[in-house]
Amino acid sequence: MAAFDVIVLGAGPGGYVCAIRAAQLGLSAAIVEPEELGGLCLNWGCIPSKALLRNADVLNTINNAADFGITVGSVDASLDEAITRSRRVVHRLVRGVTSLLRSNNITVVNGRGVLLDSRRVLVDTESEPLEANKAIVIATGAQERELPGLEINGETVVTSRHALDRRDLPERVLIIGGGATGCEFAYFYRSYGSAVTLVELMPSLLPGEDAEITAALQDSLTRQGIEVLTESRVNRLTDGGAELDIAGTSRVIPFDMALVAVGMQGRTEGLGLETAGVATGPGGYIECDDTMQTNIPGVYAIGDVTGPPLLAHAAMAQGVLAAETIAGHDTQPLIKEDIPRAVYCHPQVASMGITEAQAEERGITVNVGRFPYRANGKALSLNDYAGMIKVVSDAETGALLGAQMVGPECAELLGELSVAKLLEATPLEIGRAIHPHPTLSETLMEASLAAFGEAIHM
């Protein structure tokens, strides 16, 4: 029976990061993965979708070249070539992950793993179970949810995974569900010329995010020619049409492709959780403590299988936390609300921490600073200046509570905010820090100062 200090089930970002960190700490590690290294994020999520969104950005820049005094002829935008480029990006990163695992002496076992107990994993491609000397880490990720009446057929009714490999352009696209996936695909398909209708059950395209920011996003998507229907329900799909309930009014919308983006669910089926006694909670997600350990000592879970936020960078941070805990290090729990969040349509939406409304619900008196992109020199130079930065601070202590942003490349500002939160910097200190000029980062500086009435360029 092969034995390792740590056995990780799943080779997504959280899984392979956990294995690498365990190896750095002197532990032997193995990864059990039935599909491609890199998991859903690298192969069929974060990376290929961002490659396609870059194509959309380039196409929009070309189509708006006249704004820069540049005349172009007819433009032939090949969706097939865009998909091919995105797959090249994926394959390059998969090779990189393979090399990283090899250089860290991590054993990769191709197959599906099932828990026999808290120390043994049976892999369907192996004759003998694998034994974990210290811990098993479940990092199997998530899969797309399906709803009654929205059954997936892979052709006319698809998930994001199907869309990321579809090489013919649908003339009419219906997207069911807002959120990051819905908004990003709406922007992408509209950029390539499809007629797009985006349907969201909730009042906001991004439930839980700041109302001002999401309203600005919806306004921008509408101006791009995307039909946005919030507080609307798709009752059922028929051949080429969707029956909708819009504020009590029935409507049929024809489509050539319906993309179902109604969320994800943890991939726990067939893992042997019941056999090992591992507890799950609401939504079927695995329950963990602050160190990512489940109710069974020596069994950990990280990433999407543990529930929201379903984000690759959250999974990676949890992977490091689990590995360091297993190695006996003192660790600090992650604060979920401080994990940065981003939507990569255009304009981008990015946020960290709590919103103004959430702070007020907790009885916190806040100072709020706002700064528009239209007052930023770099944004004007880019001819891309729709949006704003919003910074929320505690009026009593001055502490940074959160920030919400909509505008060009605002996701790139999240790193600065995460560092500031980690170091307990206040918005005033962010504002006093010298930011290079001209850069988009000055919008964050000015918004931070605006929370104290000290913004210069507004």
Protein backbone atom coordinates (compact mmCIF):
# COMPACT_ATOMS: atom_id res chain seq x y z
CA MET A 1 0.00 0.00 0.00
CA ALA A 2 1.51 3.34 -1.11
CA ALA A 3 1.68 5.87 1.72
CA PHE A 4 2.03 9.66 1.72
CA ASP A 5 1.87 12.26 4.46
CA VAL A 6 -0.88 14.14 2.61
CA ILE A 7 -3.31 12.90 -0.02
CA VAL A 8 -5.20 15.60 -1.91
CA LEU A 9 -8.35 14.70 -3.83
CA GLY A 10 -8.53 17.14 -6.73
CA ALA A 11 -5.95 19.05 -8.76
CA GLY A 12 -7.70 22.39 -9.07
CA PRO A 13 -5.98 25.56 -7.84
CA GLY A 14 -6.67 24.80 -4.18
CA GLY A 15 -5.59 21.18 -4.51
CA TYR A 16 -2.30 21.66 -6.27
CA VAL A 17 -1.38 24.70 -4.14
CA CYS A 18 -2.08 22.66 -1.01
CA ALA A 19 0.13 19.83 -2.25
CA ILE A 20 2.96 22.20 -3.22
CA ARG A 21 2.85 24.00 0.14
CA ALA A 22 2.85 20.65 1.96
CA ALA A 23 5.91 19.61 -0.05
CA GLN A 24 7.66 22.90 0.76
CA LEU A 25 7.12 22.08 4.44
CA GLY A 26 8.79 18.70 4.09
CA LEU A 27 5.72 16.49 3.73
CA SER A 28 5.27 13.87 1.03
CA ALA A 29 2.17 14.55 -1.02
CA ALA A 30 0.03 12.88 -3.65
CA ILE A 31 -2.78 14.28 -5.78
CA VAL A 32 -5.65 12.12 -7.01
CA GLU A 33 -7.36 13.61 -10.06
CA PRO A 34 -9.61 11.90 -12.64
CA GLU A 35 -9.44 14.71 -15.20
CA GLU A 36 -6.99 17.43 -16.23
CA LEU A 37 -4.53 19.03 -13.83
CA GLY A 38 -5.68 22.53 -12.93
CA GLY A 39 -9.30 21.57 -12.35
CA LEU A 40 -12.36 23.46 -13.51
CA CYS A 41 -10.82 26.93 -13.04
CA LEU A 42 -7.80 26.46 -15.24
CA ASN A 43 -9.37 24.22 -17.88
CA TRP A 44 -13.01 25.31 -18.10
CA GLY A 45 -13.46 28.43 -15.99
CA CYS A 46 -11.27 31.33 -14.93
CA ILE A 47 -8.50 31.07 -17.49
CA PRO A 48 -10.23 30.27 -20.81
CA SER A 49 -13.03 32.73 -20.07
CA LYS A 50 -10.53 35.53 -19.41
CA ALA A 51 -8.72 34.71 -22.64
CA LEU A 52 -12.02 35.04 -24.52
CA LEU A 53 -12.85 38.28 -22.73
CA ARG A 54 -9.53 39.66 -23.88
CA ASN A 55 -10.57 38.84 -27.44
CA ALA A 56 -13.79 40.76 -26.84
CA ASP A 57 -11.83 43.75 -25.53
CA VAL A 58 -9.58 43.78 -28.60
CA LEU A 59 -12.57 43.51 -30.91
CA ASN A 60 -14.31 46.42 -29.20
CA THR A 61 -11.15 48.53 -29.41
CA ILE A 62 -10.94 47.89 -33.15
CA ASN A 63 -14.61 48.65 -33.67
CA ASN A 64 -14.15 51.95 -31.80
CA ALA A 65 -10.88 52.85 -33.56
CA ALA A 66 -12.47 55.97 -35.05
CA ASP A 67 -12.50 57.48 -31.56
CA PHE A 68 -8.70 57.48 -31.77
CA GLY A 69 -8.55 58.85 -35.31
CA ILE A 70 -7.84 55.44 -36.80
CA THR A 71 -9.76 54.17 -39.81
CA VAL A 72 -10.12 50.43 -40.24
CA GLY A 73 -11.75 48.38 -42.96
CA SER A 74 -14.11 45.46 -42.51
CA VAL A 75 -13.38 43.34 -39.46
CA ASP A 76 -13.58 39.55 -39.52
CA ALA A 77 -13.80 38.26 -35.94
CA SER A 78 -13.43 34.47 -35.91
CA LEU A 79 -14.96 32.83 -32.86
CA ASP A 80 -13.23 29.61 -33.85
CA GLU A 81 -9.81 31.29 -33.66
CA ALA A 82 -10.73 32.91 -30.34
CA ILE A 83 -11.56 29.50 -28.87
CA THR A 84 -8.32 28.07 -30.28
CA ARG A 85 -6.30 30.86 -28.65
CA SER A 86 -8.03 30.32 -25.30
CA ARG A 87 -7.21 26.60 -25.43
CA ARG A 88 -3.55 27.42 -26.15
CA VAL A 89 -3.45 29.57 -23.04
CA VAL A 90 -5.00 26.73 -21.02
CA HIS A 91 -2.59 24.11 -22.33
CA ARG A 92 0.41 26.31 -21.54
CA LEU A 93 -0.73 26.75 -17.94
CA VAL A 94 -1.51 23.04 -17.54
CA ARG A 95 2.04 22.27 -18.63
CA GLY A 96 3.23 24.77 -16.04
CA VAL A 97 1.25 23.09 -13.25
CA THR A 98 2.58 19.69 -14.36
CA SER A 99 6.13 21.02 -14.15
CA LEU A 100 5.52 22.56 -10.71
CA LEU A 101 4.19 19.29 -9.30
CA ARG A 102 7.09 17.35 -10.75
CA SER A 103 9.70 19.77 -9.39
CA ASN A 104 8.13 19.48 -5.93
CA ASN A 105 8.20 15.65 -6.08
CA ILE A 106 4.43 15.38 -5.84
CA THR A 107 2.93 12.11 -7.04
CA VAL A 108 -0.05 12.46 -9.37
CA VAL A 109 -2.47 9.53 -9.48
CA ASN A 110 -4.93 9.64 -12.37
CA GLY A 111 -8.25 8.30 -11.21
CA ARG A 112 -11.27 8.92 -9.03
CA GLY A 113 -10.66 8.69 -5.30
CA VAL A 114 -13.11 7.48 -2.67
CA LEU A 115 -12.64 7.72 1.09
CA LEU A 116 -12.58 4.36 2.83
CA ASP A 117 -12.01 6.03 6.19
CA SER A 118 -10.04 8.97 7.60
CA ARG A 119 -6.72 7.56 6.43
CA ARG A 120 -7.32 5.53 3.26
CA VAL A 121 -8.34 6.47 -0.27
CA LEU A 122 -9.32 3.91 -2.89
CA VAL A 123 -8.58 5.04 -6.44
CA ASP A 124 -10.50 3.34 -9.23
CA THR A 125 -7.32 2.94 -11.31
CA GLU A 126 -5.29 1.38 -8.47
CA SER A 127 -5.44 -2.13 -7.01
CA GLU A 128 -4.51 -1.06 -3.49
CA PRO A 129 -5.71 1.93 -1.44
CA LEU A 130 -3.46 4.90 -0.79
CA GLU A 131 -2.70 5.63 2.85
CA ALA A 132 -2.39 9.09 4.38
CA ASN A 133 0.04 9.28 7.28
CA LYS A 134 -1.17 12.70 8.37
CA ALA A 135 -4.18 13.94 6.43
CA ILE A 136 -6.55 13.69 3.49
CA VAL A 137 -7.57 16.96 1.84
CA ILE A 138 -10.77 17.04 -0.22
CA ALA A 139 -10.46 19.59 -3.02
CA THR A 140 -12.88 18.25 -5.62
CA GLY A 141 -14.38 21.64 -6.51
CA ALA A 142 -17.87 22.31 -7.81
CA GLN A 143 -20.07 21.64 -10.79
CA GLU A 144 -22.84 23.56 -12.54
CA ARG A 145 -26.30 23.43 -11.02
CA GLU A 146 -29.27 22.33 -13.06
CA LEU A 147 -32.87 23.36 -12.42
CA PRO A 148 -36.10 21.61 -13.43
CA GLY A 149 -37.24 22.87 -16.81
CA LEU A 150 -33.68 23.98 -17.69
CA GLU A 151 -32.22 20.60 -18.56
CA ILE A 152 -28.85 20.77 -20.30
CA ASN A 153 -28.49 19.13 -23.72
CA GLY A 154 -25.11 20.57 -24.68
CA GLU A 155 -26.41 22.02 -27.95
CA THR A 156 -29.20 24.55 -27.55
CA VAL A 157 -29.16 24.55 -23.74
CA VAL A 158 -25.61 24.69 -22.40
CA THR A 159 -23.42 25.42 -19.42
CA SER A 160 -20.38 27.69 -19.40
CA ARG A 161 -18.22 24.63 -20.04
CA HIS A 162 -19.99 23.97 -23.34
CA ALA A 163 -19.83 27.64 -24.28
CA LEU A 164 -16.08 27.77 -23.72
CA ASP A 165 -15.57 25.23 -26.51
CA ARG A 166 -18.36 26.29 -28.89
CA ARG A 167 -16.91 27.52 -32.16
CA ASP A 168 -20.01 28.69 -34.02
CA LEU A 169 -21.57 32.01 -33.06
CA PRO A 170 -25.24 31.84 -31.98
CA GLU A 171 -27.31 34.64 -33.45
CA ARG A 172 -29.55 34.92 -30.37
CA VAL A 173 -28.22 34.11 -26.91
CA LEU A 174 -30.32 33.79 -23.76
CA ILE A 175 -28.33 33.81 -20.54
CA ILE A 176 -30.16 32.54 -17.47
CA GLY A 177 -28.56 33.89 -14.32
CA GLY A 178 -26.54 37.02 -13.63
CA GLY A 179 -23.50 36.81 -11.39
CA ALA A 180 -19.97 36.75 -12.74
CA THR A 181 -20.58 34.00 -15.29
CA GLY A 182 -23.76 35.49 -16.73
CA CYS A 183 -22.39 39.03 -17.00
CA GLU A 184 -19.09 37.93 -18.53
CA PHE A 185 -20.68 35.78 -21.21
CA ALA A 186 -23.26 38.47 -21.96
CA TYR A 187 -20.45 40.94 -22.64
CA PHE A 188 -18.49 38.40 -24.69
CA TYR A 189 -21.31 37.31 -26.99
CA ARG A 190 -22.57 40.86 -27.46
CA SER A 191 -19.04 41.94 -28.45
CA TYR A 192 -19.05 39.28 -31.18
CA GLY A 193 -22.43 40.50 -32.45
CA SER A 194 -24.97 38.15 -30.89
CA ALA A 195 -28.30 39.50 -29.69
CA VAL A 196 -28.13 38.86 -25.94
CA THR A 197 -30.84 38.70 -23.28
CA LEU A 198 -29.66 38.36 -19.69
CA VAL A 199 -32.25 37.14 -17.18
CA GLU A 200 -31.75 37.30 -13.40
CA LEU A 201 -34.22 36.20 -10.74
CA MET A 202 -33.02 38.70 -8.13
CA PRO A 203 -33.38 42.51 -8.27
CA SER A 204 -29.63 42.85 -8.85
CA LEU A 205 -27.36 41.26 -11.45
CA LEU A 206 -24.79 40.74 -8.69
CA PRO A 207 -26.70 39.80 -5.53
CA GLY A 208 -24.91 40.86 -2.37
CA GLU A 209 -22.82 43.52 -4.07
CA ASP A 210 -23.22 47.28 -3.65
CA ALA A 211 -26.42 48.67 -5.20
CA GLU A 212 -24.74 51.73 -6.76
CA ILE A 213 -22.07 49.60 -8.38
CA THR A 214 -24.44 46.99 -9.78
CA ALA A 215 -26.79 49.68 -11.08
CA ALA A 216 -23.86 51.23 -12.97
CA LEU A 217 -22.96 47.83 -14.40
CA GLN A 218 -26.52 47.17 -15.55
CA ASP A 219 -26.70 50.61 -17.17
CA SER A 220 -23.45 49.95 -19.04
CA LEU A 221 -24.51 46.51 -20.26
CA THR A 222 -27.81 47.97 -21.45
CA ARG A 223 -26.00 50.71 -23.37
CA GLN A 224 -23.94 48.00 -25.05
CA GLY A 225 -27.17 46.57 -26.44
CA ILE A 226 -27.72 43.74 -23.95
CA GLU A 227 -31.31 43.30 -22.83
CA VAL A 228 -31.18 42.94 -19.04
CA LEU A 229 -34.23 41.54 -17.25
CA THR A 230 -33.98 41.44 -13.45
CA GLU A 231 -36.65 40.09 -11.10
CA SER A 232 -37.54 37.72 -13.90
CA ARG A 233 -37.93 33.96 -13.96
CA VAL A 234 -37.53 31.46 -16.79
CA ASN A 235 -40.37 29.03 -16.23
CA ARG A 236 -39.37 26.58 -18.92
CA LEU A 237 -37.52 26.19 -22.19
CA THR A 238 -39.22 24.98 -25.36
CA ASP A 239 -37.82 24.34 -28.82
CA GLY A 240 -36.12 27.62 -29.58
CA GLY A 241 -38.00 29.69 -27.02
CA ALA A 242 -38.06 30.52 -23.33
CA GLU A 243 -41.20 31.21 -21.35
CA LEU A 244 -40.48 34.01 -18.89
CA ASP A 245 -42.35 35.52 -15.99
CA ILE A 246 -41.40 39.21 -15.81
CA ALA A 247 -43.05 40.91 -12.83
CA GLY A 248 -46.14 38.77 -13.31
CA THR A 249 -46.23 39.26 -17.09
CA SER A 250 -45.61 36.31 -19.40
CA ARG A 251 -43.27 36.64 -22.35
CA VAL A 252 -41.64 34.24 -24.80
CA ILE A 253 -38.08 34.98 -25.90
CA PRO A 254 -36.68 33.07 -28.89
CA PHE A 255 -33.07 31.89 -28.72
CA ASP A 256 -30.53 29.85 -30.62
CA MET A 257 -28.54 29.05 -27.50
CA ALA A 258 -29.52 29.29 -23.85
CA LEU A 259 -26.65 29.44 -21.37
CA VAL A 260 -27.66 28.30 -17.90
CA ALA A 261 -25.59 30.12 -15.27
CA VAL A 262 -27.65 29.62 -12.11
CA GLY A 263 -24.74 28.82 -9.84
CA MET A 264 -22.61 25.92 -8.72
CA GLN A 265 -22.83 23.07 -6.24
CA GLY A 266 -20.11 21.16 -4.42
CA ARG A 267 -18.79 18.05 -6.12
CA THR A 268 -19.27 15.56 -3.30
CA GLU A 269 -21.18 12.71 -4.87
CA GLY A 270 -19.35 9.38 -4.79
CA LEU A 271 -16.53 10.58 -2.53
CA GLY A 272 -17.38 8.21 0.33
CA LEU A 273 -18.20 11.04 2.72
CA GLU A 274 -20.87 9.00 4.46
CA THR A 275 -18.52 6.03 4.87
CA ALA A 276 -15.85 8.23 6.42
CA GLY A 277 -18.42 10.14 8.51
CA VAL A 278 -17.65 13.54 7.00
CA ALA A 279 -20.49 16.00 7.66
CA THR A 280 -22.06 18.25 5.07
CA GLY A 281 -24.25 21.28 5.64
CA PRO A 282 -26.69 23.47 3.71
CA GLY A 283 -26.35 23.05 -0.04
CA GLY A 284 -24.42 19.83 0.42
CA TYR A 285 -21.15 21.66 1.06
CA ILE A 286 -18.58 20.08 3.39
CA GLU A 287 -18.43 21.76 6.80
CA CYS A 288 -15.02 22.83 8.14
CA ASP A 289 -13.51 24.65 11.09
CA ASP A 290 -11.22 27.68 10.88
CA THR A 291 -8.28 25.47 9.83
CA MET A 292 -10.29 23.77 7.06
CA GLN A 293 -10.55 20.53 9.05
CA THR A 294 -13.84 18.65 8.84
CA ASN A 295 -15.62 17.00 11.76
CA ILE A 296 -13.33 13.99 11.23
CA PRO A 297 -9.79 14.56 12.57
CA GLY A 298 -7.23 14.33 9.79
CA VAL A 299 -9.75 15.00 7.00
CA TYR A 300 -9.68 18.51 5.55
CA ALA A 301 -11.65 20.18 2.78
CA ILE A 302 -10.81 23.28 0.76
CA GLY A 303 -12.19 25.32 -2.12
CA ASP A 304 -15.58 25.24 -3.78
CA VAL A 305 -16.57 21.97 -2.12
CA THR A 306 -16.76 23.89 1.19
CA GLY A 307 -19.15 26.55 -0.12
CA PRO A 308 -19.03 30.26 -0.94
CA PRO A 309 -17.09 32.19 -1.93
CA LEU A 310 -16.52 29.91 -4.93
CA LEU A 311 -13.30 31.57 -6.04
CA ALA A 312 -9.98 30.09 -7.14
CA HIS A 313 -7.91 32.47 -5.04
CA ALA A 314 -9.99 31.59 -1.99
CA ALA A 315 -9.32 27.91 -2.65
CA MET A 316 -5.58 28.56 -2.95
CA ALA A 317 -5.50 30.48 0.32
CA GLN A 318 -7.43 27.67 2.00
CA GLY A 319 -4.98 25.16 0.53
CA VAL A 320 -2.05 26.97 2.11
CA LEU A 321 -3.93 27.22 5.42
CA ALA A 322 -4.70 23.49 5.43
CA ALA A 323 -1.15 22.47 4.51
CA GLU A 324 0.42 24.66 7.17
CA THR A 325 -2.02 23.38 9.80
CA ILE A 326 -1.26 19.76 8.85
CA ALA A 327 2.47 20.52 9.12
CA GLY A 328 1.96 21.80 12.68
CA HIS A 329 2.30 25.53 12.03
CA ASP A 330 0.31 28.16 13.89
CA THR A 331 -2.22 29.54 11.43
CA GLN A 332 -4.75 32.34 11.25
CA PRO A 333 -8.30 31.77 9.97
CA LEU A 334 -9.36 33.42 6.74
CA ILE A 335 -11.92 36.22 6.90
CA LYS A 336 -14.26 35.29 4.07
CA GLU A 337 -15.75 38.74 3.57
CA ASP A 338 -12.25 40.16 3.02
CA ILE A 339 -11.55 37.79 0.12
CA PRO A 340 -11.52 39.95 -3.03
CA ARG A 341 -14.18 39.40 -5.69
CA ALA A 342 -14.15 40.40 -9.35
CA VAL A 343 -16.31 40.21 -12.47
CA TYR A 344 -14.35 40.59 -15.71
CA CYS A 345 -16.96 41.89 -18.14
CA HIS A 346 -16.66 45.48 -19.32
CA PRO A 347 -16.76 47.50 -17.23
CA GLN A 348 -15.19 45.30 -14.61
CA VAL A 349 -16.68 45.03 -11.13
CA ALA A 350 -14.42 44.44 -8.14
CA SER A 351 -15.00 44.44 -4.41
CA MET A 352 -13.51 43.54 -1.06
CA GLY A 353 -14.91 43.62 2.45
CA ILE A 354 -18.42 44.78 3.27
CA THR A 355 -20.64 47.31 1.54
CA GLU A 356 -22.08 50.53 2.91
CA ALA A 357 -25.48 48.84 3.35
CA GLN A 358 -23.98 45.82 5.12
CA ALA A 359 -22.06 48.08 7.50
CA GLU A 360 -25.21 50.00 8.36
CA GLU A 361 -27.08 46.73 8.95
CA ARG A 362 -24.45 45.97 11.59
CA GLY A 363 -24.98 49.33 13.24
CA ILE A 364 -21.68 50.80 12.07
CA THR A 365 -21.56 54.48 11.24
CA VAL A 366 -19.57 54.88 8.06
CA ASN A 367 -17.67 57.42 6.02
CA VAL A 368 -17.96 56.76 2.29
CA GLY A 369 -15.59 58.10 -0.32
CA ARG A 370 -16.45 58.10 -4.02
CA PHE A 371 -14.39 59.02 -7.03
CA PRO A 372 -15.44 58.84 -10.70
CA TYR A 373 -13.18 57.45 -13.41
CA ARG A 374 -14.11 60.43 -15.59
CA ALA A 375 -11.91 62.60 -13.36
CA ASN A 376 -8.87 60.36 -13.83
CA GLY A 377 -6.30 61.34 -16.45
CA LYS A 378 -5.28 57.79 -17.36
CA ALA A 379 -8.90 56.70 -17.83
CA LEU A 380 -9.55 59.68 -20.10
CA SER A 381 -6.39 58.88 -22.06
CA LEU A 382 -7.66 55.33 -22.54
CA ASN A 383 -11.05 56.68 -23.64
CA ASP A 384 -12.50 54.32 -21.04
CA TYR A 385 -13.87 56.31 -18.14
CA ALA A 386 -17.28 54.98 -17.17
CA GLY A 387 -17.54 53.90 -13.53
CA MET A 388 -16.50 54.81 -10.03
CA ILE A 389 -14.58 53.74 -6.93
CA LYS A 390 -16.33 53.58 -3.58
CA VAL A 391 -14.44 53.19 -0.29
CA VAL A 392 -16.22 52.46 3.01
CA SER A 393 -14.60 53.18 6.37
CA ASP A 394 -15.65 53.08 10.00
CA ALA A 395 -16.45 56.67 11.01
CA GLU A 396 -15.40 56.03 14.60
CA THR A 397 -12.13 54.15 14.14
CA GLY A 398 -11.19 55.07 10.58
CA ALA A 399 -10.75 51.38 9.76
CA LEU A 400 -11.13 50.18 6.19
CA LEU A 401 -14.36 48.18 5.97
CA GLY A 402 -14.54 47.58 2.24
CA ALA A 403 -14.34 48.93 -1.26
CA GLN A 404 -16.57 48.46 -4.31
CA MET A 405 -15.58 49.43 -7.82
CA VAL A 406 -16.91 49.44 -11.36
CA GLY A 407 -14.75 50.59 -14.25
CA PRO A 408 -11.79 49.76 -16.46
CA GLU A 409 -9.30 47.28 -14.96
CA CYS A 410 -10.58 47.87 -11.43
CA ALA A 411 -9.86 44.23 -10.53
CA GLU A 412 -6.17 45.15 -10.65
CA LEU A 413 -6.73 47.45 -7.66
CA LEU A 414 -7.86 44.61 -5.40
CA GLY A 415 -4.32 43.55 -4.56
CA GLU A 416 -3.57 46.92 -2.98
CA LEU A 417 -6.76 46.74 -0.95
CA SER A 418 -5.99 43.21 0.27
CA VAL A 419 -2.55 44.29 1.44
CA ALA A 420 -4.04 47.34 3.14
CA LYS A 421 -6.60 45.20 4.96
CA LEU A 422 -3.97 42.68 6.02
CA LEU A 423 -1.74 45.44 7.41
CA GLU A 424 -4.72 47.23 8.96
CA ALA A 425 -4.10 50.36 6.94
CA THR A 426 -6.87 52.95 6.96
CA PRO A 427 -8.33 54.60 3.85
CA LEU A 428 -6.60 57.80 4.96
CA GLU A 429 -3.26 56.00 4.84
CA ILE A 430 -4.09 54.57 1.40
CA GLY A 431 -4.88 58.09 0.27
CA ARG A 432 -1.69 59.55 1.72
CA ALA A 433 0.47 56.90 0.01
CA ILE A 434 2.00 58.32 -3.18
CA HIS A 435 0.44 56.71 -6.24
CA PRO A 436 2.13 57.05 -9.65
CA HIS A 437 0.65 59.52 -12.10
CA PRO A 438 -1.03 58.98 -14.45
CA THR A 439 -2.44 55.60 -13.41
CA LEU A 440 -5.87 54.15 -12.74
CA SER A 441 -4.69 53.45 -9.19
CA GLU A 442 -5.10 57.16 -8.45
CA THR A 443 -8.87 56.59 -8.46
CA LEU A 444 -8.49 54.43 -5.35
CA MET A 445 -6.23 57.04 -3.73
CA GLU A 446 -8.74 59.81 -4.40
CA ALA A 447 -11.76 57.76 -3.25
CA SER A 448 -9.92 56.92 -0.04
CA LEU A 449 -9.22 60.59 0.59
CA ALA A 450 -12.82 61.46 -0.30
CA ALA A 451 -14.01 59.39 2.67
CA PHE A 452 -12.43 62.13 4.82
CA GLY A 453 -13.29 65.08 2.59
CA GLU A 454 -9.69 65.38 1.34
CA ALA A 455 -9.96 64.33 -2.33
CA ILE A 456 -7.95 66.72 -4.50
CA HIS A 457 -9.32 66.21 -7.99
CA MET A 458 -13.02 66.31 -7.23
